[in-house]
Amino acid sequence: FFPSNFLSLPMPLPDWAWFVLPTAGIYLSFVPYGIVQEWVYKHESTDGSRFTFTLTLLLVQALFNVATGFLITVVRRENRATFPLKECWLPGFTFIAAMLFSNEALRYVSYPTQVLGKSCKMVPVLLGNVLIFGRKHTLAEYLQVALVTAGIALFQYKAPSSENANSTYGIVLLLLSLLMDGLTGPNQDSIVKKKNSSPYQLMLACNMWAVLYVTAAMATIGEGADGVLYVLRPDNTQLLLNVLLFALCGALGQICIYFTLRHFGALKLTIATTTRKFFTILFSVFLFNHVLSGRQQIGVALVFVGLAFDLWKKKKTGQHVTETGKKSE
């Protein structure tokens, strides 16, 4: 009933659209994702208790991702020989571990430290590509990472207040999160090159491992089914809806993430995800007529120079994406 190239975007598109469309999908999915996540943790039950079961939330998210990836691979009738289940044991662990470390770190470090950490996500991905997987990057790519990272840090940085001190534990968690980010994307890149897997096969395989790891963690630390039972309580109907909406937004975002990873690589994907919050804030500035400080204006300029430089480099070298979504020269 469905063609085998369904959801492959088999239509002629301008070169820039192949990157802009999934990037826009990442933005549109993860902006509400962040808002709903805040609703989940701020929900107060009739007995005054609040949701504290992060592993349960991650499990629901991973299950939604598995269901979505499985549905798409079945509809598209993808080749089982390229399904990378065995190979995805490591990225399945590192991407879930990065989320756990990041969520836990937020409780122990100040806002400026969080922002600087998130702004630097491109650096460990670049280093992971070079040091672990032996890939070479051009001087232009190093320059782009430096410009975008510095620009986002300048734009979002806020001076710390005296009551928001950083603990050593929080800094360690933040560094571990960055380390996991540096391992995840390059490893997935390597798997794609080895197995020629589709974005949706990669999404399915990584999240199947994530379900296994999170379930094991829940059993080990004793959270068990407590989180699920808490969400299913009659007085937590709104919480249940928020958890499901959170998982749905995450699954839609993951489709765009794995498409970008498959066809543009881990570094370009990290640029797309890292600049999401930057553009969200920037849109609100123009929408509500906020005034940017001199430091923020410099940050905006650096980010746009970095992104424009990449587009100019692609145009100069003639790099484009074909109708199957693959880059060519």
C-alpha atoms as a PDB file:
ATOM      1  CA  PHE A   1       0.000   0.000   0.000  1.00  0.00           C
ATOM      2  CA  PHE A   2       2.801   2.422   0.916  1.00  0.00           C
ATOM      3  CA  PRO A   3       5.789   2.963  -1.380  1.00  0.00           C
ATOM      4  CA  SER A   4       9.131   1.780  -0.002  1.00  0.00           C
ATOM      5  CA  ASN A   5      10.522   5.327  -0.125  1.00  0.00           C
ATOM      6  CA  PHE A   6       7.640   6.718   1.956  1.00  0.00           C
ATOM      7  CA  LEU A   7       8.898   9.364   4.440  1.00  0.00           C
ATOM      8  CA  SER A   8      12.146   9.737   2.471  1.00  0.00           C
ATOM      9  CA  LEU A   9      11.129  13.163   1.113  1.00  0.00           C
ATOM     10  CA  PRO A  10      11.421  11.942  -2.510  1.00  0.00           C
ATOM     11  CA  MET A  11      10.589  15.302  -4.035  1.00  0.00           C
ATOM     12  CA  PRO A  12      12.828  17.979  -5.575  1.00  0.00           C
ATOM     13  CA  LEU A  13      13.818  20.539  -2.965  1.00  0.00           C
ATOM     14  CA  PRO A  14      16.340  23.366  -2.977  1.00  0.00           C
ATOM     15  CA  ASP A  15      19.635  22.424  -1.333  1.00  0.00           C
ATOM     16  CA  TRP A  16      19.113  24.510   1.795  1.00  0.00           C
ATOM     17  CA  ALA A  17      15.699  22.920   2.472  1.00  0.00           C
ATOM     18  CA  TRP A  18      17.175  19.483   3.195  1.00  0.00           C
ATOM     19  CA  PHE A  19      18.869  20.890   6.286  1.00  0.00           C
ATOM     20  CA  VAL A  20      16.420  23.670   7.206  1.00  0.00           C
ATOM     21  CA  LEU A  21      13.258  21.498   7.219  1.00  0.00           C
ATOM     22  CA  PRO A  22      14.415  18.854   9.736  1.00  0.00           C
ATOM     23  CA  THR A  23      16.098  21.602  11.779  1.00  0.00           C
ATOM     24  CA  ALA A  24      12.772  23.454  11.910  1.00  0.00           C
ATOM     25  CA  GLY A  25      11.157  20.172  12.958  1.00  0.00           C
ATOM     26  CA  ILE A  26      13.671  19.910  15.821  1.00  0.00           C
ATOM     27  CA  TYR A  27      12.832  23.450  16.940  1.00  0.00           C
ATOM     28  CA  LEU A  28       9.057  22.966  16.668  1.00  0.00           C
ATOM     29  CA  SER A  29       9.164  19.666  18.550  1.00  0.00           C
ATOM     30  CA  PHE A  30      11.521  20.519  21.372  1.00  0.00           C
ATOM     31  CA  VAL A  31      10.182  23.974  22.273  1.00  0.00           C
ATOM     32  CA  PRO A  32       6.873  22.464  23.499  1.00  0.00           C
ATOM     33  CA  TYR A  33       8.893  19.470  24.764  1.00  0.00           C
ATOM     34  CA  GLY A  34      10.735  21.728  27.207  1.00  0.00           C
ATOM     35  CA  ILE A  35       7.557  23.515  28.270  1.00  0.00           C
ATOM     36  CA  VAL A  36       5.669  20.276  28.930  1.00  0.00           C
ATOM     37  CA  GLN A  37       8.660  18.867  30.819  1.00  0.00           C
ATOM     38  CA  GLU A  38       8.404  21.825  33.187  1.00  0.00           C
ATOM     39  CA  TRP A  39       4.669  21.142  33.603  1.00  0.00           C
ATOM     40  CA  VAL A  40       5.460  17.549  34.537  1.00  0.00           C
ATOM     41  CA  TYR A  41       7.888  18.476  37.299  1.00  0.00           C
ATOM     42  CA  LYS A  42       5.744  21.351  38.601  1.00  0.00           C
ATOM     43  CA  HIS A  43       2.527  19.319  38.765  1.00  0.00           C
ATOM     44  CA  GLU A  44       1.268  19.071  42.337  1.00  0.00           C
ATOM     45  CA  SER A  45      -1.010  16.220  43.399  1.00  0.00           C
ATOM     46  CA  THR A  46      -3.876  16.597  45.864  1.00  0.00           C
ATOM     47  CA  ASP A  47      -1.637  15.342  48.677  1.00  0.00           C
ATOM     48  CA  GLY A  48       0.972  18.011  47.893  1.00  0.00           C
ATOM     49  CA  SER A  49       3.489  15.603  46.363  1.00  0.00           C
ATOM     50  CA  ARG A  50       5.285  16.221  43.079  1.00  0.00           C
ATOM     51  CA  PHE A  51       6.623  14.055  40.286  1.00  0.00           C
ATOM     52  CA  THR A  52      10.266  13.074  40.959  1.00  0.00           C
ATOM     53  CA  PHE A  53      10.569   9.911  38.855  1.00  0.00           C
ATOM     54  CA  THR A  54      13.010  10.941  36.124  1.00  0.00           C
ATOM     55  CA  LEU A  55      13.753   7.348  35.079  1.00  0.00           C
ATOM     56  CA  THR A  56      10.042   6.679  34.577  1.00  0.00           C
ATOM     57  CA  LEU A  57       9.803   9.741  32.346  1.00  0.00           C
ATOM     58  CA  LEU A  58      12.805   8.600  30.318  1.00  0.00           C
ATOM     59  CA  LEU A  59      11.311   5.106  29.997  1.00  0.00           C
ATOM     60  CA  VAL A  60       8.021   6.449  28.625  1.00  0.00           C
ATOM     61  CA  GLN A  61       9.999   8.644  26.216  1.00  0.00           C
ATOM     62  CA  ALA A  62      12.105   5.717  24.988  1.00  0.00           C
ATOM     63  CA  LEU A  63       9.030   3.495  24.557  1.00  0.00           C
ATOM     64  CA  PHE A  64       7.341   6.167  22.439  1.00  0.00           C
ATOM     65  CA  ASN A  65      10.501   6.448  20.346  1.00  0.00           C
ATOM     66  CA  VAL A  66      10.626   2.669  19.852  1.00  0.00           C
ATOM     67  CA  ALA A  67       6.966   2.565  18.780  1.00  0.00           C
ATOM     68  CA  THR A  68       7.473   5.473  16.362  1.00  0.00           C
ATOM     69  CA  GLY A  69      10.665   4.054  14.860  1.00  0.00           C
ATOM     70  CA  PHE A  70       9.116   0.599  14.500  1.00  0.00           C
ATOM     71  CA  LEU A  71       5.994   1.973  12.792  1.00  0.00           C
ATOM     72  CA  ILE A  72       8.005   3.972  10.275  1.00  0.00           C
ATOM     73  CA  THR A  73      10.376   1.108   9.436  1.00  0.00           C
ATOM     74  CA  VAL A  74       7.408  -1.241   8.890  1.00  0.00           C
ATOM     75  CA  VAL A  75       5.517   1.274   6.745  1.00  0.00           C
ATOM     76  CA  ARG A  76       8.625   1.911   4.651  1.00  0.00           C
ATOM     77  CA  ARG A  77       9.424  -1.840   4.434  1.00  0.00           C
ATOM     78  CA  GLU A  78      13.075  -1.248   5.197  1.00  0.00           C
ATOM     79  CA  ASN A  79      15.813  -3.812   4.689  1.00  0.00           C
ATOM     80  CA  ARG A  80      16.303  -5.849   7.868  1.00  0.00           C
ATOM     81  CA  ALA A  81      19.938  -6.476   6.954  1.00  0.00           C
ATOM     82  CA  THR A  82      20.747  -2.826   7.678  1.00  0.00           C
ATOM     83  CA  PHE A  83      19.069  -2.827  11.112  1.00  0.00           C
ATOM     84  CA  PRO A  84      21.908  -1.975  13.566  1.00  0.00           C
ATOM     85  CA  LEU A  85      20.586  -3.493  16.799  1.00  0.00           C
ATOM     86  CA  LYS A  86      23.839  -5.145  17.884  1.00  0.00           C
ATOM     87  CA  GLU A  87      25.942  -2.103  16.989  1.00  0.00           C
ATOM     88  CA  CYS A  88      23.764   0.392  18.910  1.00  0.00           C
ATOM     89  CA  TRP A  89      24.430  -0.950  22.414  1.00  0.00           C
ATOM     90  CA  LEU A  90      26.925   1.881  23.084  1.00  0.00           C
ATOM     91  CA  PRO A  91      25.091   4.930  21.651  1.00  0.00           C
ATOM     92  CA  GLY A  92      21.895   3.577  23.220  1.00  0.00           C
ATOM     93  CA  PHE A  93      23.645   3.837  26.578  1.00  0.00           C
ATOM     94  CA  THR A  94      25.488   7.125  26.043  1.00  0.00           C
ATOM     95  CA  PHE A  95      22.519   9.148  24.816  1.00  0.00           C
ATOM     96  CA  ILE A  96      20.342   8.068  27.768  1.00  0.00           C
ATOM     97  CA  ALA A  97      23.253   8.605  30.176  1.00  0.00           C
ATOM     98  CA  ALA A  98      23.764  12.129  28.791  1.00  0.00           C
ATOM     99  CA  MET A  99      20.114  12.958  29.531  1.00  0.00           C
ATOM    100  CA  LEU A 100      20.355  11.526  33.055  1.00  0.00           C
ATOM    101  CA  PHE A 101      23.583  13.368  33.907  1.00  0.00           C
ATOM    102  CA  SER A 102      22.250  16.623  32.445  1.00  0.00           C
ATOM    103  CA  ASN A 103      18.941  16.458  34.336  1.00  0.00           C
ATOM    104  CA  GLU A 104      20.710  15.649  37.598  1.00  0.00           C
ATOM    105  CA  ALA A 105      23.321  18.386  37.086  1.00  0.00           C
ATOM    106  CA  LEU A 106      20.616  21.066  36.887  1.00  0.00           C
ATOM    107  CA  ARG A 107      20.026  20.606  40.621  1.00  0.00           C
ATOM    108  CA  TYR A 108      23.650  21.336  41.581  1.00  0.00           C
ATOM    109  CA  VAL A 109      25.012  24.042  39.274  1.00  0.00           C
ATOM    110  CA  SER A 110      24.037  27.666  38.676  1.00  0.00           C
ATOM    111  CA  TYR A 111      22.178  28.874  35.605  1.00  0.00           C
ATOM    112  CA  PRO A 112      25.268  30.459  33.958  1.00  0.00           C
ATOM    113  CA  THR A 113      27.153  27.186  34.319  1.00  0.00           C
ATOM    114  CA  GLN A 114      24.251  25.265  32.759  1.00  0.00           C
ATOM    115  CA  VAL A 115      24.172  27.664  29.816  1.00  0.00           C
ATOM    116  CA  LEU A 116      27.904  27.488  29.212  1.00  0.00           C
ATOM    117  CA  GLY A 117      27.792  23.699  29.384  1.00  0.00           C
ATOM    118  CA  LYS A 118      24.942  23.432  26.876  1.00  0.00           C
ATOM    119  CA  SER A 119      26.636  25.966  24.599  1.00  0.00           C
ATOM    120  CA  CYS A 120      29.760  23.801  24.397  1.00  0.00           C
ATOM    121  CA  LYS A 121      28.048  20.596  23.198  1.00  0.00           C
ATOM    122  CA  MET A 122      29.608  20.940  19.743  1.00  0.00           C
ATOM    123  CA  VAL A 123      33.124  20.783  21.205  1.00  0.00           C
ATOM    124  CA  PRO A 124      32.980  17.210  22.625  1.00  0.00           C
ATOM    125  CA  VAL A 125      31.251  15.983  19.446  1.00  0.00           C
ATOM    126  CA  LEU A 126      34.062  17.479  17.352  1.00  0.00           C
ATOM    127  CA  LEU A 127      36.732  16.024  19.662  1.00  0.00           C
ATOM    128  CA  GLY A 128      34.988  12.634  19.707  1.00  0.00           C
ATOM    129  CA  ASN A 129      35.067  12.541  15.915  1.00  0.00           C
ATOM    130  CA  VAL A 130      38.780  13.337  15.845  1.00  0.00           C
ATOM    131  CA  LEU A 131      40.251  11.587  18.882  1.00  0.00           C
ATOM    132  CA  ILE A 132      38.105   8.435  19.067  1.00  0.00           C
ATOM    133  CA  PHE A 133      36.990   7.757  15.506  1.00  0.00           C
ATOM    134  CA  GLY A 134      39.965   9.280  13.679  1.00  0.00           C
ATOM    135  CA  ARG A 135      37.930  11.539  11.408  1.00  0.00           C
ATOM    136  CA  LYS A 136      39.392  14.698   9.941  1.00  0.00           C
ATOM    137  CA  HIS A 137      37.709  18.093  10.044  1.00  0.00           C
ATOM    138  CA  THR A 138      38.649  21.130   8.027  1.00  0.00           C
ATOM    139  CA  LEU A 139      39.908  24.367   9.547  1.00  0.00           C
ATOM    140  CA  ALA A 140      36.616  25.912   8.422  1.00  0.00           C
ATOM    141  CA  GLU A 141      34.638  23.437  10.570  1.00  0.00           C
ATOM    142  CA  TYR A 142      36.776  24.187  13.626  1.00  0.00           C
ATOM    143  CA  LEU A 143      36.199  27.896  13.013  1.00  0.00           C
ATOM    144  CA  GLN A 144      32.455  27.408  12.675  1.00  0.00           C
ATOM    145  CA  VAL A 145      32.241  25.473  15.967  1.00  0.00           C
ATOM    146  CA  ALA A 146      34.268  28.182  17.723  1.00  0.00           C
ATOM    147  CA  LEU A 147      32.078  31.008  16.352  1.00  0.00           C
ATOM    148  CA  VAL A 148      28.721  29.366  17.129  1.00  0.00           C
ATOM    149  CA  THR A 149      29.808  28.170  20.587  1.00  0.00           C
ATOM    150  CA  ALA A 150      31.184  31.581  21.565  1.00  0.00           C
ATOM    151  CA  GLY A 151      28.132  33.355  20.138  1.00  0.00           C
ATOM    152  CA  ILE A 152      25.604  31.233  22.048  1.00  0.00           C
ATOM    153  CA  ALA A 153      27.600  31.530  25.276  1.00  0.00           C
ATOM    154  CA  LEU A 154      27.735  35.325  24.977  1.00  0.00           C
ATOM    155  CA  PHE A 155      24.062  35.578  24.059  1.00  0.00           C
ATOM    156  CA  GLN A 156      22.679  33.435  26.880  1.00  0.00           C
ATOM    157  CA  TYR A 157      25.152  34.086  29.691  1.00  0.00           C
ATOM    158  CA  LYS A 158      23.853  35.791  32.826  1.00  0.00           C
ATOM    159  CA  ALA A 159      25.946  36.940  35.738  1.00  0.00           C
ATOM    160  CA  PRO A 160      25.769  34.487  38.647  1.00  0.00           C
ATOM    161  CA  SER A 161      24.101  35.483  41.894  1.00  0.00           C
ATOM    162  CA  SER A 162      25.696  34.794  45.254  1.00  0.00           C
ATOM    163  CA  GLU A 163      23.100  32.188  46.216  1.00  0.00           C
ATOM    164  CA  ASN A 164      23.625  30.066  43.074  1.00  0.00           C
ATOM    165  CA  ALA A 165      26.941  28.363  43.782  1.00  0.00           C
ATOM    166  CA  ASN A 166      28.208  25.384  41.840  1.00  0.00           C
ATOM    167  CA  SER A 167      28.971  22.138  43.631  1.00  0.00           C
ATOM    168  CA  THR A 168      31.816  19.848  42.578  1.00  0.00           C
ATOM    169  CA  TYR A 169      29.269  17.066  42.132  1.00  0.00           C
ATOM    170  CA  GLY A 170      27.236  19.220  39.724  1.00  0.00           C
ATOM    171  CA  ILE A 171      30.293  20.155  37.661  1.00  0.00           C
ATOM    172  CA  VAL A 172      31.311  16.490  37.405  1.00  0.00           C
ATOM    173  CA  LEU A 173      27.800  15.555  36.221  1.00  0.00           C
ATOM    174  CA  LEU A 174      27.870  18.328  33.624  1.00  0.00           C
ATOM    175  CA  LEU A 175      31.254  17.143  32.340  1.00  0.00           C
ATOM    176  CA  LEU A 176      30.002  13.542  32.204  1.00  0.00           C
ATOM    177  CA  SER A 177      26.974  14.710  30.198  1.00  0.00           C
ATOM    178  CA  LEU A 178      29.266  16.463  27.706  1.00  0.00           C
ATOM    179  CA  LEU A 179      31.455  13.344  27.520  1.00  0.00           C
ATOM    180  CA  MET A 180      28.416  11.187  26.709  1.00  0.00           C
ATOM    181  CA  ASP A 181      27.375  13.697  24.017  1.00  0.00           C
ATOM    182  CA  GLY A 182      30.863  13.471  22.548  1.00  0.00           C
ATOM    183  CA  LEU A 183      30.596   9.687  22.302  1.00  0.00           C
ATOM    184  CA  THR A 184      27.005   9.416  21.048  1.00  0.00           C
ATOM    185  CA  GLY A 185      26.934  11.342  17.768  1.00  0.00           C
ATOM    186  CA  PRO A 186      30.284  10.209  16.340  1.00  0.00           C
ATOM    187  CA  ASN A 187      29.500   6.593  17.263  1.00  0.00           C
ATOM    188  CA  GLN A 188      26.154   6.811  15.469  1.00  0.00           C
ATOM    189  CA  ASP A 189      27.952   8.320  12.473  1.00  0.00           C
ATOM    190  CA  SER A 190      30.263   5.310  12.431  1.00  0.00           C
ATOM    191  CA  ILE A 191      27.332   2.880  12.566  1.00  0.00           C
ATOM    192  CA  VAL A 192      25.583   4.612   9.658  1.00  0.00           C
ATOM    193  CA  LYS A 193      28.717   4.326   7.511  1.00  0.00           C
ATOM    194  CA  LYS A 194      29.190   0.665   8.457  1.00  0.00           C
ATOM    195  CA  LYS A 195      25.597  -0.582   8.138  1.00  0.00           C
ATOM    196  CA  ASN A 196      24.041   2.009   5.800  1.00  0.00           C
ATOM    197  CA  SER A 197      21.078   2.135   8.186  1.00  0.00           C
ATOM    198  CA  SER A 198      18.149   4.479   7.709  1.00  0.00           C
ATOM    199  CA  PRO A 199      17.461   7.265  10.261  1.00  0.00           C
ATOM    200  CA  TYR A 200      14.449   5.361  11.564  1.00  0.00           C
ATOM    201  CA  GLN A 201      16.332   2.075  11.991  1.00  0.00           C
ATOM    202  CA  LEU A 202      18.962   3.936  14.000  1.00  0.00           C
ATOM    203  CA  MET A 203      16.250   5.599  16.084  1.00  0.00           C
ATOM    204  CA  LEU A 204      14.576   2.239  16.757  1.00  0.00           C
ATOM    205  CA  ALA A 205      17.787   0.386  17.659  1.00  0.00           C
ATOM    206  CA  CYS A 206      19.190   3.070  19.983  1.00  0.00           C
ATOM    207  CA  ASN A 207      15.912   3.426  21.838  1.00  0.00           C
ATOM    208  CA  MET A 208      15.456  -0.329  22.211  1.00  0.00           C
ATOM    209  CA  TRP A 209      18.758  -0.389  24.092  1.00  0.00           C
ATOM    210  CA  ALA A 210      17.671   2.723  26.030  1.00  0.00           C
ATOM    211  CA  VAL A 211      14.518   0.925  27.231  1.00  0.00           C
ATOM    212  CA  LEU A 212      16.672  -1.967  28.446  1.00  0.00           C
ATOM    213  CA  TYR A 213      19.139   0.294  30.278  1.00  0.00           C
ATOM    214  CA  VAL A 214      16.484   2.467  31.924  1.00  0.00           C
ATOM    215  CA  THR A 215      14.468  -0.577  33.030  1.00  0.00           C
ATOM    216  CA  ALA A 216      17.604  -2.079  34.573  1.00  0.00           C
ATOM    217  CA  ALA A 217      18.384   1.204  36.341  1.00  0.00           C
ATOM    218  CA  MET A 218      14.843   1.425  37.723  1.00  0.00           C
ATOM    219  CA  ALA A 219      15.108  -2.096  39.105  1.00  0.00           C
ATOM    220  CA  THR A 220      18.566  -1.448  40.544  1.00  0.00           C
ATOM    221  CA  ILE A 221      17.873   1.786  42.429  1.00  0.00           C
ATOM    222  CA  GLY A 222      14.451   0.673  43.605  1.00  0.00           C
ATOM    223  CA  GLU A 223      12.247   3.079  41.635  1.00  0.00           C
ATOM    224  CA  GLY A 224      10.557   0.086  40.026  1.00  0.00           C
ATOM    225  CA  ALA A 225       6.939   0.715  39.129  1.00  0.00           C
ATOM    226  CA  ASP A 226       6.496   3.533  41.662  1.00  0.00           C
ATOM    227  CA  GLY A 227       6.699   6.225  39.004  1.00  0.00           C
ATOM    228  CA  VAL A 228       4.193   4.497  36.726  1.00  0.00           C
ATOM    229  CA  LEU A 229       1.759   3.944  39.612  1.00  0.00           C
ATOM    230  CA  TYR A 230       2.138   7.590  40.646  1.00  0.00           C
ATOM    231  CA  VAL A 231       1.318   8.860  37.140  1.00  0.00           C
ATOM    232  CA  LEU A 232      -1.717   6.516  36.913  1.00  0.00           C
ATOM    233  CA  ARG A 233      -3.260   7.753  40.174  1.00  0.00           C
ATOM    234  CA  PRO A 234      -6.807   9.119  39.676  1.00  0.00           C
ATOM    235  CA  ASP A 235      -5.795  12.568  40.954  1.00  0.00           C
ATOM    236  CA  ASN A 236      -2.933  12.755  38.426  1.00  0.00           C
ATOM    237  CA  THR A 237      -4.920  12.656  35.178  1.00  0.00           C
ATOM    238  CA  GLN A 238      -3.433  15.941  34.010  1.00  0.00           C
ATOM    239  CA  LEU A 239       0.058  14.672  34.842  1.00  0.00           C
ATOM    240  CA  LEU A 240      -0.567  11.548  32.741  1.00  0.00           C
ATOM    241  CA  LEU A 241      -1.641  13.682  29.780  1.00  0.00           C
ATOM    242  CA  ASN A 242       1.443  15.868  30.178  1.00  0.00           C
ATOM    243  CA  VAL A 243       3.750  12.834  30.299  1.00  0.00           C
ATOM    244  CA  LEU A 244       2.190  11.434  27.116  1.00  0.00           C
ATOM    245  CA  LEU A 245       2.414  14.822  25.376  1.00  0.00           C
ATOM    246  CA  PHE A 246       6.050  15.114  26.494  1.00  0.00           C
ATOM    247  CA  ALA A 247       6.843  11.700  24.986  1.00  0.00           C
ATOM    248  CA  LEU A 248       4.985  12.513  21.751  1.00  0.00           C
ATOM    249  CA  CYS A 249       6.910  15.774  21.253  1.00  0.00           C
ATOM    250  CA  GLY A 250      10.143  13.906  21.951  1.00  0.00           C
ATOM    251  CA  ALA A 251       9.344  11.178  19.422  1.00  0.00           C
ATOM    252  CA  LEU A 252       8.544  13.701  16.682  1.00  0.00           C
ATOM    253  CA  GLY A 253      11.762  15.540  17.473  1.00  0.00           C
ATOM    254  CA  GLN A 254      13.744  12.310  17.327  1.00  0.00           C
ATOM    255  CA  ILE A 255      12.529  11.646  13.777  1.00  0.00           C
ATOM    256  CA  CYS A 256      14.052  14.967  12.714  1.00  0.00           C
ATOM    257  CA  ILE A 257      17.191  14.391  14.797  1.00  0.00           C
ATOM    258  CA  TYR A 258      17.978  11.012  13.250  1.00  0.00           C
ATOM    259  CA  PHE A 259      17.201  12.260   9.747  1.00  0.00           C
ATOM    260  CA  THR A 260      19.689  15.112  10.248  1.00  0.00           C
ATOM    261  CA  LEU A 261      22.259  12.769  11.780  1.00  0.00           C
ATOM    262  CA  ARG A 262      21.924  10.242   8.942  1.00  0.00           C
ATOM    263  CA  HIS A 263      22.332  12.743   6.121  1.00  0.00           C
ATOM    264  CA  PHE A 264      24.462  15.535   7.616  1.00  0.00           C
ATOM    265  CA  GLY A 265      26.468  13.937  10.435  1.00  0.00           C
ATOM    266  CA  ALA A 266      26.794  14.410  14.180  1.00  0.00           C
ATOM    267  CA  LEU A 267      28.473  17.823  14.071  1.00  0.00           C
ATOM    268  CA  LYS A 268      25.765  19.452  11.947  1.00  0.00           C
ATOM    269  CA  LEU A 269      23.094  17.838  14.118  1.00  0.00           C
ATOM    270  CA  THR A 270      24.678  19.282  17.256  1.00  0.00           C
ATOM    271  CA  ILE A 271      24.738  22.734  15.649  1.00  0.00           C
ATOM    272  CA  ALA A 272      21.009  22.399  14.915  1.00  0.00           C
ATOM    273  CA  THR A 273      20.122  21.274  18.455  1.00  0.00           C
ATOM    274  CA  THR A 274      22.443  23.743  20.178  1.00  0.00           C
ATOM    275  CA  THR A 275      21.116  26.763  18.282  1.00  0.00           C
ATOM    276  CA  ARG A 276      17.479  25.843  19.050  1.00  0.00           C
ATOM    277  CA  LYS A 277      17.275  27.782  22.316  1.00  0.00           C
ATOM    278  CA  PHE A 278      19.230  30.650  20.793  1.00  0.00           C
ATOM    279  CA  PHE A 279      16.687  31.147  18.005  1.00  0.00           C
ATOM    280  CA  THR A 280      13.751  30.642  20.391  1.00  0.00           C
ATOM    281  CA  ILE A 281      14.986  33.511  22.570  1.00  0.00           C
ATOM    282  CA  LEU A 282      15.869  35.602  19.538  1.00  0.00           C
ATOM    283  CA  PHE A 283      12.347  35.240  18.112  1.00  0.00           C
ATOM    284  CA  SER A 284      10.859  36.340  21.429  1.00  0.00           C
ATOM    285  CA  VAL A 285      13.133  39.403  21.395  1.00  0.00           C
ATOM    286  CA  PHE A 286      11.702  40.576  18.078  1.00  0.00           C
ATOM    287  CA  LEU A 287       8.147  39.486  18.915  1.00  0.00           C
ATOM    288  CA  PHE A 288       7.984  41.362  22.223  1.00  0.00           C
ATOM    289  CA  ASN A 289      10.412  44.179  21.352  1.00  0.00           C
ATOM    290  CA  HIS A 290      12.988  43.289  24.001  1.00  0.00           C
ATOM    291  CA  VAL A 291      16.293  45.171  23.915  1.00  0.00           C
ATOM    292  CA  LEU A 292      19.525  43.231  23.361  1.00  0.00           C
ATOM    293  CA  SER A 293      22.617  44.223  25.318  1.00  0.00           C
ATOM    294  CA  GLY A 294      25.887  44.901  23.522  1.00  0.00           C
ATOM    295  CA  ARG A 295      27.203  41.487  24.601  1.00  0.00           C
ATOM    296  CA  GLN A 296      24.109  39.753  23.220  1.00  0.00           C
ATOM    297  CA  GLN A 297      24.382  41.628  19.922  1.00  0.00           C
ATOM    298  CA  ILE A 298      27.958  40.398  19.544  1.00  0.00           C
ATOM    299  CA  GLY A 299      26.751  36.863  20.327  1.00  0.00           C
ATOM    300  CA  VAL A 300      24.027  37.066  17.655  1.00  0.00           C
ATOM    301  CA  ALA A 301      26.562  38.301  15.113  1.00  0.00           C
ATOM    302  CA  LEU A 302      28.985  35.448  15.879  1.00  0.00           C
ATOM    303  CA  VAL A 303      26.289  32.782  15.524  1.00  0.00           C
ATOM    304  CA  PHE A 304      25.022  34.144  12.210  1.00  0.00           C
ATOM    305  CA  VAL A 305      28.558  34.508  10.855  1.00  0.00           C
ATOM    306  CA  GLY A 306      29.255  30.880  11.812  1.00  0.00           C
ATOM    307  CA  LEU A 307      26.075  29.568  10.178  1.00  0.00           C
ATOM    308  CA  ALA A 308      26.406  31.771   7.083  1.00  0.00           C
ATOM    309  CA  PHE A 309      30.023  30.677   6.673  1.00  0.00           C
ATOM    310  CA  ASP A 310      28.910  27.045   6.538  1.00  0.00           C
ATOM    311  CA  LEU A 311      26.269  27.778   3.880  1.00  0.00           C
ATOM    312  CA  TRP A 312      28.798  29.770   1.847  1.00  0.00           C
ATOM    313  CA  LYS A 313      31.325  26.914   2.071  1.00  0.00           C
ATOM    314  CA  LYS A 314      28.733  24.392   0.830  1.00  0.00           C
ATOM    315  CA  LYS A 315      27.784  26.634  -2.088  1.00  0.00           C
ATOM    316  CA  LYS A 316      31.427  27.189  -3.012  1.00  0.00           C
ATOM    317  CA  THR A 317      32.274  23.466  -2.965  1.00  0.00           C
ATOM    318  CA  GLY A 318      29.046  22.517  -4.746  1.00  0.00           C
ATOM    319  CA  GLN A 319      27.881  20.229  -1.952  1.00  0.00           C
ATOM    320  CA  HIS A 320      24.175  19.442  -2.085  1.00  0.00           C
ATOM    321  CA  VAL A 321      21.666  16.828  -1.062  1.00  0.00           C
ATOM    322  CA  THR A 322      20.091  14.528  -3.610  1.00  0.00           C
ATOM    323  CA  GLU A 323      16.445  13.496  -3.771  1.00  0.00           C
ATOM    324  CA  THR A 324      17.153  10.535  -1.519  1.00  0.00           C
ATOM    325  CA  GLY A 325      18.460  12.877   1.115  1.00  0.00           C
ATOM    326  CA  LYS A 326      22.132  11.992   0.695  1.00  0.00           C
ATOM    327  CA  LYS A 327      24.911  14.531   0.405  1.00  0.00           C
ATOM    328  CA  SER A 328      26.906  14.649  -2.769  1.00  0.00           C
ATOM    329  CA  GLU A 329      29.634  16.770  -4.237  1.00  0.00           C
END
